[in-house]
Amino acid sequence: MQTIAFPDHHAFSEKNIAQIVGKWNDISSSNKILLTTEKDAMRLQQIKIPEPIVKHSYYIPVEVDFTENGKILFEQKLEKIA
C-alpha cells in the first residue's frame, strides 16, 4: 500500500499529479486502486489524471451527521432564516 497525504482543501498541482502517478507506477501489482475522499475526488477531476488511474479510482463519500443537540440547534437556526 502506498499513501500520500495532502492537507485539507488542498489545490492539486501538476507536481502532485506526477507524485500520484509515480506512486501508482511503483506498485508492481496490476490489482491496484486510487482511494480518496469525495471532496478530493472532485478536485482531482479538474486535473488531467491518466486514464488507467481514473478507471481504478474510488472515493469515500462525505456525510454530515449532527449530535442530537447539534441537530436541534441547526434546525432552530434554519427556522429563523426560513
PDB file of N, CA and C in Angstrom:
ATOM      1  N   MET A   1       0.852  -1.179   0.000  1.00  0.00           N
ATOM      2  CA  MET A   1       0.000   0.000   0.000  1.00  0.00           C
ATOM      3  C   MET A   1       0.899   1.244   0.000  1.00  0.00           C
ATOM      4  N   GLN A   2       0.551   2.196  -0.824  1.00  0.00           N
ATOM      5  CA  GLN A   2       1.242   3.485  -0.897  1.00  0.00           C
ATOM      6  C   GLN A   2       0.286   4.556  -0.398  1.00  0.00           C
ATOM      7  N   THR A   3       0.792   5.530   0.345  1.00  0.00           N
ATOM      8  CA  THR A   3      -0.034   6.608   0.864  1.00  0.00           C
ATOM      9  C   THR A   3       0.614   7.946   0.578  1.00  0.00           C
ATOM     10  N   ILE A   4      -0.193   8.894   0.158  1.00  0.00           N
ATOM     11  CA  ILE A   4       0.249  10.281   0.011  1.00  0.00           C
ATOM     12  C   ILE A   4      -0.773  11.126   0.764  1.00  0.00           C
ATOM     13  N   ALA A   5      -0.317  11.953   1.665  1.00  0.00           N
ATOM     14  CA  ALA A   5      -1.216  12.805   2.445  1.00  0.00           C
ATOM     15  C   ALA A   5      -1.108  14.247   1.962  1.00  0.00           C
ATOM     16  N   PHE A   6      -2.252  14.868   1.759  1.00  0.00           N
ATOM     17  CA  PHE A   6      -2.324  16.279   1.391  1.00  0.00           C
ATOM     18  C   PHE A   6      -3.175  16.991   2.434  1.00  0.00           C
ATOM     19  N   PRO A   7      -2.903  18.269   2.678  1.00  0.00           N
ATOM     20  CA  PRO A   7      -3.711  18.996   3.658  1.00  0.00           C
ATOM     21  C   PRO A   7      -5.150  19.179   3.182  1.00  0.00           C
ATOM     22  N   ASP A   8      -6.046  19.442   4.119  1.00  0.00           N
ATOM     23  CA  ASP A   8      -7.445  19.689   3.788  1.00  0.00           C
ATOM     24  C   ASP A   8      -7.548  20.912   2.886  1.00  0.00           C
ATOM     25  N   HIS A   9      -8.465  20.895   1.947  1.00  0.00           N
ATOM     26  CA  HIS A   9      -8.705  21.985   0.986  1.00  0.00           C
ATOM     27  C   HIS A   9      -7.510  22.204   0.064  1.00  0.00           C
ATOM     28  N   HIS A  10      -6.731  21.166  -0.165  1.00  0.00           N
ATOM     29  CA  HIS A  10      -5.533  21.267  -0.995  1.00  0.00           C
ATOM     30  C   HIS A  10      -5.900  21.489  -2.462  1.00  0.00           C
ATOM     31  N   ALA A  11      -5.230  22.422  -3.099  1.00  0.00           N
ATOM     32  CA  ALA A  11      -5.389  22.649  -4.544  1.00  0.00           C
ATOM     33  C   ALA A  11      -4.314  21.820  -5.244  1.00  0.00           C
ATOM     34  N   PHE A  12      -4.728  20.770  -5.918  1.00  0.00           N
ATOM     35  CA  PHE A  12      -3.775  19.856  -6.543  1.00  0.00           C
ATOM     36  C   PHE A  12      -3.068  20.522  -7.717  1.00  0.00           C
ATOM     37  N   SER A  13      -1.770  20.281  -7.788  1.00  0.00           N
ATOM     38  CA  SER A  13      -0.947  20.835  -8.864  1.00  0.00           C
ATOM     39  C   SER A  13      -0.507  19.707  -9.798  1.00  0.00           C
ATOM     40  N   GLU A  14       0.090  20.092 -10.903  1.00  0.00           N
ATOM     41  CA  GLU A  14       0.641  19.089 -11.826  1.00  0.00           C
ATOM     42  C   GLU A  14       1.726  18.272 -11.127  1.00  0.00           C
ATOM     43  N   LYS A  15       2.477  18.912 -10.237  1.00  0.00           N
ATOM     44  CA  LYS A  15       3.514  18.214  -9.472  1.00  0.00           C
ATOM     45  C   LYS A  15       2.884  17.142  -8.578  1.00  0.00           C
ATOM     46  N   ASN A  16       1.741  17.455  -7.974  1.00  0.00           N
ATOM     47  CA  ASN A  16       1.038  16.468  -7.141  1.00  0.00           C
ATOM     48  C   ASN A  16       0.574  15.285  -7.982  1.00  0.00           C
ATOM     49  N   ILE A  17       0.076  15.577  -9.169  1.00  0.00           N
ATOM     50  CA  ILE A  17      -0.388  14.500 -10.053  1.00  0.00           C
ATOM     51  C   ILE A  17       0.787  13.615 -10.445  1.00  0.00           C
ATOM     52  N   ALA A  18       1.927  14.234 -10.749  1.00  0.00           N
ATOM     53  CA  ALA A  18       3.126  13.461 -11.077  1.00  0.00           C
ATOM     54  C   ALA A  18       3.530  12.576  -9.902  1.00  0.00           C
ATOM     55  N   GLN A  19       3.367  13.079  -8.693  1.00  0.00           N
ATOM     56  CA  GLN A  19       3.667  12.309  -7.496  1.00  0.00           C
ATOM     57  C   GLN A  19       2.721  11.111  -7.377  1.00  0.00           C
ATOM     58  N   ILE A  20       1.442  11.340  -7.617  1.00  0.00           N
ATOM     59  CA  ILE A  20       0.452  10.260  -7.567  1.00  0.00           C
ATOM     60  C   ILE A  20       0.758   9.218  -8.632  1.00  0.00           C
ATOM     61  N   VAL A  21       1.051   9.663  -9.852  1.00  0.00           N
ATOM     62  CA  VAL A  21       1.372   8.742 -10.951  1.00  0.00           C
ATOM     63  C   VAL A  21       2.635   7.958 -10.618  1.00  0.00           C
ATOM     64  N   GLY A  22       3.632   8.620 -10.040  1.00  0.00           N
ATOM     65  CA  GLY A  22       4.864   7.925  -9.660  1.00  0.00           C
ATOM     66  C   GLY A  22       4.610   6.821  -8.651  1.00  0.00           C
ATOM     67  N   LYS A  23       3.829   7.114  -7.625  1.00  0.00           N
ATOM     68  CA  LYS A  23       3.478   6.100  -6.621  1.00  0.00           C
ATOM     69  C   LYS A  23       2.692   4.958  -7.270  1.00  0.00           C
ATOM     70  N   TRP A  24       1.774   5.330  -8.163  1.00  0.00           N
ATOM     71  CA  TRP A  24       0.965   4.328  -8.880  1.00  0.00           C
ATOM     72  C   TRP A  24       1.881   3.378  -9.658  1.00  0.00           C
ATOM     73  N   ASN A  25       2.836   3.962 -10.374  1.00  0.00           N
ATOM     74  CA  ASN A  25       3.744   3.159 -11.192  1.00  0.00           C
ATOM     75  C   ASN A  25       4.704   2.328 -10.361  1.00  0.00           C
ATOM     76  N   ASP A  26       4.969   2.739  -9.123  1.00  0.00           N
ATOM     77  CA  ASP A  26       5.858   1.981  -8.232  1.00  0.00           C
ATOM     78  C   ASP A  26       5.223   0.686  -7.737  1.00  0.00           C
ATOM     79  N   ILE A  27       3.912   0.594  -7.827  1.00  0.00           N
ATOM     80  CA  ILE A  27       3.215  -0.614  -7.372  1.00  0.00           C
ATOM     81  C   ILE A  27       3.278  -1.646  -8.490  1.00  0.00           C
ATOM     82  N   SER A  28       3.913  -2.763  -8.218  1.00  0.00           N
ATOM     83  CA  SER A  28       4.128  -3.766  -9.270  1.00  0.00           C
ATOM     84  C   SER A  28       2.871  -4.565  -9.595  1.00  0.00           C
ATOM     85  N   SER A  29       1.956  -4.667  -8.664  1.00  0.00           N
ATOM     86  CA  SER A  29       0.734  -5.426  -8.894  1.00  0.00           C
ATOM     87  C   SER A  29      -0.171  -4.713  -9.903  1.00  0.00           C
ATOM     88  N   SER A  30      -0.896  -5.505 -10.680  1.00  0.00           N
ATOM     89  CA  SER A  30      -1.883  -4.914 -11.592  1.00  0.00           C
ATOM     90  C   SER A  30      -3.217  -4.699 -10.871  1.00  0.00           C
ATOM     91  N   ASN A  31      -3.324  -5.216  -9.671  1.00  0.00           N
ATOM     92  CA  ASN A  31      -4.538  -5.101  -8.856  1.00  0.00           C
ATOM     93  C   ASN A  31      -4.368  -3.931  -7.888  1.00  0.00           C
ATOM     94  N   LYS A  32      -4.616  -2.714  -8.391  1.00  0.00           N
ATOM     95  CA  LYS A  32      -4.425  -1.519  -7.567  1.00  0.00           C
ATOM     96  C   LYS A  32      -5.543  -0.523  -7.815  1.00  0.00           C
ATOM     97  N   ILE A  33      -5.772   0.338  -6.804  1.00  0.00           N
ATOM     98  CA  ILE A  33      -6.796   1.367  -6.902  1.00  0.00           C
ATOM     99  C   ILE A  33      -6.253   2.674  -6.329  1.00  0.00           C
ATOM    100  N   LEU A  34      -6.896   3.763  -6.694  1.00  0.00           N
ATOM    101  CA  LEU A  34      -6.664   5.060  -6.064  1.00  0.00           C
ATOM    102  C   LEU A  34      -7.893   5.319  -5.203  1.00  0.00           C
ATOM    103  N   LEU A  35      -7.685   5.515  -3.914  1.00  0.00           N
ATOM    104  CA  LEU A  35      -8.777   5.754  -2.976  1.00  0.00           C
ATOM    105  C   LEU A  35      -8.580   7.115  -2.339  1.00  0.00           C
ATOM    106  N   THR A  36      -9.615   7.932  -2.375  1.00  0.00           N
ATOM    107  CA  THR A  36      -9.535   9.286  -1.834  1.00  0.00           C
ATOM    108  C   THR A  36     -10.881   9.673  -1.224  1.00  0.00           C
ATOM    109  N   THR A  37     -10.939  10.862  -0.671  1.00  0.00           N
ATOM    110  CA  THR A  37     -12.217  11.347  -0.159  1.00  0.00           C
ATOM    111  C   THR A  37     -13.048  11.906  -1.315  1.00  0.00           C
ATOM    112  N   GLU A  38     -14.323  12.028  -1.101  1.00  0.00           N
ATOM    113  CA  GLU A  38     -15.215  12.585  -2.124  1.00  0.00           C
ATOM    114  C   GLU A  38     -14.804  14.015  -2.473  1.00  0.00           C
ATOM    115  N   LYS A  39     -14.435  14.795  -1.463  1.00  0.00           N
ATOM    116  CA  LYS A  39     -14.019  16.187  -1.701  1.00  0.00           C
ATOM    117  C   LYS A  39     -12.797  16.240  -2.607  1.00  0.00           C
ATOM    118  N   ASP A  40     -11.798  15.416  -2.308  1.00  0.00           N
ATOM    119  CA  ASP A  40     -10.588  15.420  -3.133  1.00  0.00           C
ATOM    120  C   ASP A  40     -10.851  14.841  -4.518  1.00  0.00           C
ATOM    121  N   ALA A  41     -11.748  13.888  -4.617  1.00  0.00           N
ATOM    122  CA  ALA A  41     -12.085  13.332  -5.930  1.00  0.00           C
ATOM    123  C   ALA A  41     -12.636  14.417  -6.851  1.00  0.00           C
ATOM    124  N   MET A  42     -13.441  15.319  -6.299  1.00  0.00           N
ATOM    125  CA  MET A  42     -13.984  16.421  -7.103  1.00  0.00           C
ATOM    126  C   MET A  42     -12.852  17.349  -7.577  1.00  0.00           C
ATOM    127  N   ARG A  43     -11.889  17.609  -6.703  1.00  0.00           N
ATOM    128  CA  ARG A  43     -10.755  18.458  -7.079  1.00  0.00           C
ATOM    129  C   ARG A  43      -9.876  17.770  -8.129  1.00  0.00           C
ATOM    130  N   LEU A  44      -9.681  16.465  -7.954  1.00  0.00           N
ATOM    131  CA  LEU A  44      -8.829  15.723  -8.884  1.00  0.00           C
ATOM    132  C   LEU A  44      -9.435  15.644 -10.281  1.00  0.00           C
ATOM    133  N   GLN A  45     -10.754  15.740 -10.394  1.00  0.00           N
ATOM    134  CA  GLN A  45     -11.404  15.718 -11.704  1.00  0.00           C
ATOM    135  C   GLN A  45     -11.005  16.922 -12.554  1.00  0.00           C
ATOM    136  N   GLN A  46     -10.580  17.983 -11.907  1.00  0.00           N
ATOM    137  CA  GLN A  46     -10.233  19.211 -12.612  1.00  0.00           C
ATOM    138  C   GLN A  46      -8.842  19.156 -13.227  1.00  0.00           C
ATOM    139  N   ILE A  47      -8.073  18.124 -12.884  1.00  0.00           N
ATOM    140  CA  ILE A  47      -6.704  17.984 -13.380  1.00  0.00           C
ATOM    141  C   ILE A  47      -6.612  16.688 -14.180  1.00  0.00           C
ATOM    142  N   LYS A  48      -5.799  16.693 -15.204  1.00  0.00           N
ATOM    143  CA  LYS A  48      -5.650  15.525 -16.071  1.00  0.00           C
ATOM    144  C   LYS A  48      -4.908  14.401 -15.358  1.00  0.00           C
ATOM    145  N   ILE A  49      -5.626  13.330 -15.097  1.00  0.00           N
ATOM    146  CA  ILE A  49      -5.044  12.129 -14.494  1.00  0.00           C
ATOM    147  C   ILE A  49      -5.078  11.037 -15.561  1.00  0.00           C
ATOM    148  N   PRO A  50      -4.015  10.256 -15.683  1.00  0.00           N
ATOM    149  CA  PRO A  50      -4.003   9.195 -16.710  1.00  0.00           C
ATOM    150  C   PRO A  50      -5.205   8.264 -16.591  1.00  0.00           C
ATOM    151  N   GLU A  51      -5.748   7.894 -17.720  1.00  0.00           N
ATOM    152  CA  GLU A  51      -6.963   7.077 -17.788  1.00  0.00           C
ATOM    153  C   GLU A  51      -6.870   5.766 -16.996  1.00  0.00           C
ATOM    154  N   PRO A  52      -5.742   5.051 -17.019  1.00  0.00           N
ATOM    155  CA  PRO A  52      -5.687   3.812 -16.221  1.00  0.00           C
ATOM    156  C   PRO A  52      -5.916   4.059 -14.729  1.00  0.00           C
ATOM    157  N   ILE A  53      -5.504   5.218 -14.236  1.00  0.00           N
ATOM    158  CA  ILE A  53      -5.723   5.537 -12.830  1.00  0.00           C
ATOM    159  C   ILE A  53      -7.177   5.948 -12.612  1.00  0.00           C
ATOM    160  N   VAL A  54      -7.706   6.742 -13.522  1.00  0.00           N
ATOM    161  CA  VAL A  54      -9.109   7.175 -13.411  1.00  0.00           C
ATOM    162  C   VAL A  54     -10.037   5.968 -13.367  1.00  0.00           C
ATOM    163  N   LYS A  55      -9.772   4.983 -14.209  1.00  0.00           N
ATOM    164  CA  LYS A  55     -10.624   3.785 -14.269  1.00  0.00           C
ATOM    165  C   LYS A  55     -10.618   2.994 -12.965  1.00  0.00           C
ATOM    166  N   HIS A  56      -9.581   3.175 -12.169  1.00  0.00           N
ATOM    167  CA  HIS A  56      -9.450   2.427 -10.917  1.00  0.00           C
ATOM    168  C   HIS A  56      -9.460   3.359  -9.710  1.00  0.00           C
ATOM    169  N   SER A  57     -10.181   4.458  -9.835  1.00  0.00           N
ATOM    170  CA  SER A  57     -10.276   5.437  -8.750  1.00  0.00           C
ATOM    171  C   SER A  57     -11.619   5.315  -8.032  1.00  0.00           C
ATOM    172  N   TYR A  58     -11.560   5.406  -6.722  1.00  0.00           N
ATOM    173  CA  TYR A  58     -12.752   5.322  -5.885  1.00  0.00           C
ATOM    174  C   TYR A  58     -12.648   6.376  -4.798  1.00  0.00           C
ATOM    175  N   TYR A  59     -13.805   6.792  -4.297  1.00  0.00           N
ATOM    176  CA  TYR A  59     -13.772   7.761  -3.207  1.00  0.00           C
ATOM    177  C   TYR A  59     -14.702   7.332  -2.078  1.00  0.00           C
ATOM    178  N   ILE A  60     -14.379   7.852  -0.898  1.00  0.00           N
ATOM    179  CA  ILE A  60     -15.190   7.628   0.289  1.00  0.00           C
ATOM    180  C   ILE A  60     -16.152   8.804   0.397  1.00  0.00           C
ATOM    181  N   PRO A  61     -17.456   8.560   0.381  1.00  0.00           N
ATOM    182  CA  PRO A  61     -18.420   9.668   0.465  1.00  0.00           C
ATOM    183  C   PRO A  61     -18.282  10.445   1.775  1.00  0.00           C
ATOM    184  N   VAL A  62     -18.541  11.728   1.685  1.00  0.00           N
ATOM    185  CA  VAL A  62     -18.539  12.592   2.857  1.00  0.00           C
ATOM    186  C   VAL A  62     -19.989  12.781   3.287  1.00  0.00           C
ATOM    187  N   GLU A  63     -20.254  12.519   4.546  1.00  0.00           N
ATOM    188  CA  GLU A  63     -21.600  12.684   5.083  1.00  0.00           C
ATOM    189  C   GLU A  63     -21.554  13.593   6.297  1.00  0.00           C
ATOM    190  N   VAL A  64     -22.616  14.341   6.487  1.00  0.00           N
ATOM    191  CA  VAL A  64     -22.724  15.216   7.652  1.00  0.00           C
ATOM    192  C   VAL A  64     -23.687  14.570   8.628  1.00  0.00           C
ATOM    193  N   ASP A  65     -23.275  14.536   9.869  1.00  0.00           N
ATOM    194  CA  ASP A  65     -24.131  13.991  10.913  1.00  0.00           C
ATOM    195  C   ASP A  65     -23.986  14.879  12.142  1.00  0.00           C
ATOM    196  N   PHE A  66     -25.088  15.217  12.750  1.00  0.00           N
ATOM    197  CA  PHE A  66     -25.088  16.067  13.928  1.00  0.00           C
ATOM    198  C   PHE A  66     -25.308  15.231  15.184  1.00  0.00           C
ATOM    199  N   THR A  67     -24.748  15.697  16.279  1.00  0.00           N
ATOM    200  CA  THR A  67     -25.143  15.133  17.562  1.00  0.00           C
ATOM    201  C   THR A  67     -26.584  15.564  17.778  1.00  0.00           C
ATOM    202  N   GLU A  68     -27.296  14.925  18.688  1.00  0.00           N
ATOM    203  CA  GLU A  68     -28.704  15.276  18.896  1.00  0.00           C
ATOM    204  C   GLU A  68     -28.863  16.759  19.205  1.00  0.00           C
ATOM    205  N   ASN A  69     -28.055  17.286  20.115  1.00  0.00           N
ATOM    206  CA  ASN A  69     -28.129  18.702  20.469  1.00  0.00           C
ATOM    207  C   ASN A  69     -27.763  19.577  19.264  1.00  0.00           C
ATOM    208  N   GLY A  70     -26.764  19.170  18.498  1.00  0.00           N
ATOM    209  CA  GLY A  70     -26.351  19.934  17.323  1.00  0.00           C
ATOM    210  C   GLY A  70     -27.449  19.976  16.268  1.00  0.00           C
ATOM    211  N   LYS A  71     -28.159  18.887  16.109  1.00  0.00           N
ATOM    212  CA  LYS A  71     -29.255  18.822  15.137  1.00  0.00           C
ATOM    213  C   LYS A  71     -30.368  19.788  15.538  1.00  0.00           C
ATOM    214  N   ILE A  72     -30.698  19.828  16.809  1.00  0.00           N
ATOM    215  CA  ILE A  72     -31.745  20.729  17.301  1.00  0.00           C
ATOM    216  C   ILE A  72     -31.334  22.180  17.064  1.00  0.00           C
ATOM    217  N   LEU A  73     -30.098  22.521  17.406  1.00  0.00           N
ATOM    218  CA  LEU A  73     -29.605  23.887  17.205  1.00  0.00           C
ATOM    219  C   LEU A  73     -29.610  24.270  15.727  1.00  0.00           C
ATOM    220  N   PHE A  74     -29.189  23.350  14.879  1.00  0.00           N
ATOM    221  CA  PHE A  74     -29.171  23.612  13.441  1.00  0.00           C
ATOM    222  C   PHE A  74     -30.586  23.869  12.921  1.00  0.00           C
ATOM    223  N   GLU A  75     -31.532  23.033  13.314  1.00  0.00           N
ATOM    224  CA  GLU A  75     -32.915  23.201  12.869  1.00  0.00           C
ATOM    225  C   GLU A  75     -33.506  24.518  13.372  1.00  0.00           C
ATOM    226  N   GLN A  76     -33.150  24.925  14.583  1.00  0.00           N
ATOM    227  CA  GLN A  76     -33.632  26.195  15.112  1.00  0.00           C
ATOM    228  C   GLN A  76     -33.092  27.368  14.282  1.00  0.00           C
ATOM    229  N   LYS A  77     -31.833  27.294  13.923  1.00  0.00           N
ATOM    230  CA  LYS A  77     -31.245  28.354  13.102  1.00  0.00           C
ATOM    231  C   LYS A  77     -31.889  28.410  11.726  1.00  0.00           C
ATOM    232  N   LEU A  78     -32.170  27.236  11.155  1.00  0.00           N
ATOM    233  CA  LEU A  78     -32.838  27.195   9.848  1.00  0.00           C
ATOM    234  C   LEU A  78     -34.229  27.832   9.918  1.00  0.00           C
ATOM    235  N   GLU A  79     -34.938  27.572  10.992  1.00  0.00           N
ATOM    236  CA  GLU A  79     -36.272  28.140  11.163  1.00  0.00           C
ATOM    237  C   GLU A  79     -36.200  29.673  11.197  1.00  0.00           C
ATOM    238  N   LYS A  80     -35.157  30.226  11.783  1.00  0.00           N
ATOM    239  CA  LYS A  80     -35.013  31.683  11.895  1.00  0.00           C
ATOM    240  C   LYS A  80     -34.776  32.332  10.535  1.00  0.00           C
ATOM    241  N   ILE A  81     -34.112  31.622   9.619  1.00  0.00           N
ATOM    242  CA  ILE A  81     -33.814  32.240   8.310  1.00  0.00           C
ATOM    243  C   ILE A  81     -34.838  31.865   7.253  1.00  0.00           C
ATOM    244  N   ALA A  82     -35.726  30.926   7.553  1.00  0.00           N
ATOM    245  CA  ALA A  82     -36.723  30.485   6.566  1.00  0.00           C
ATOM    246  C   ALA A  82     -37.913  31.419   6.525  1.00  0.00           C
TER     247      ALA A  82
END
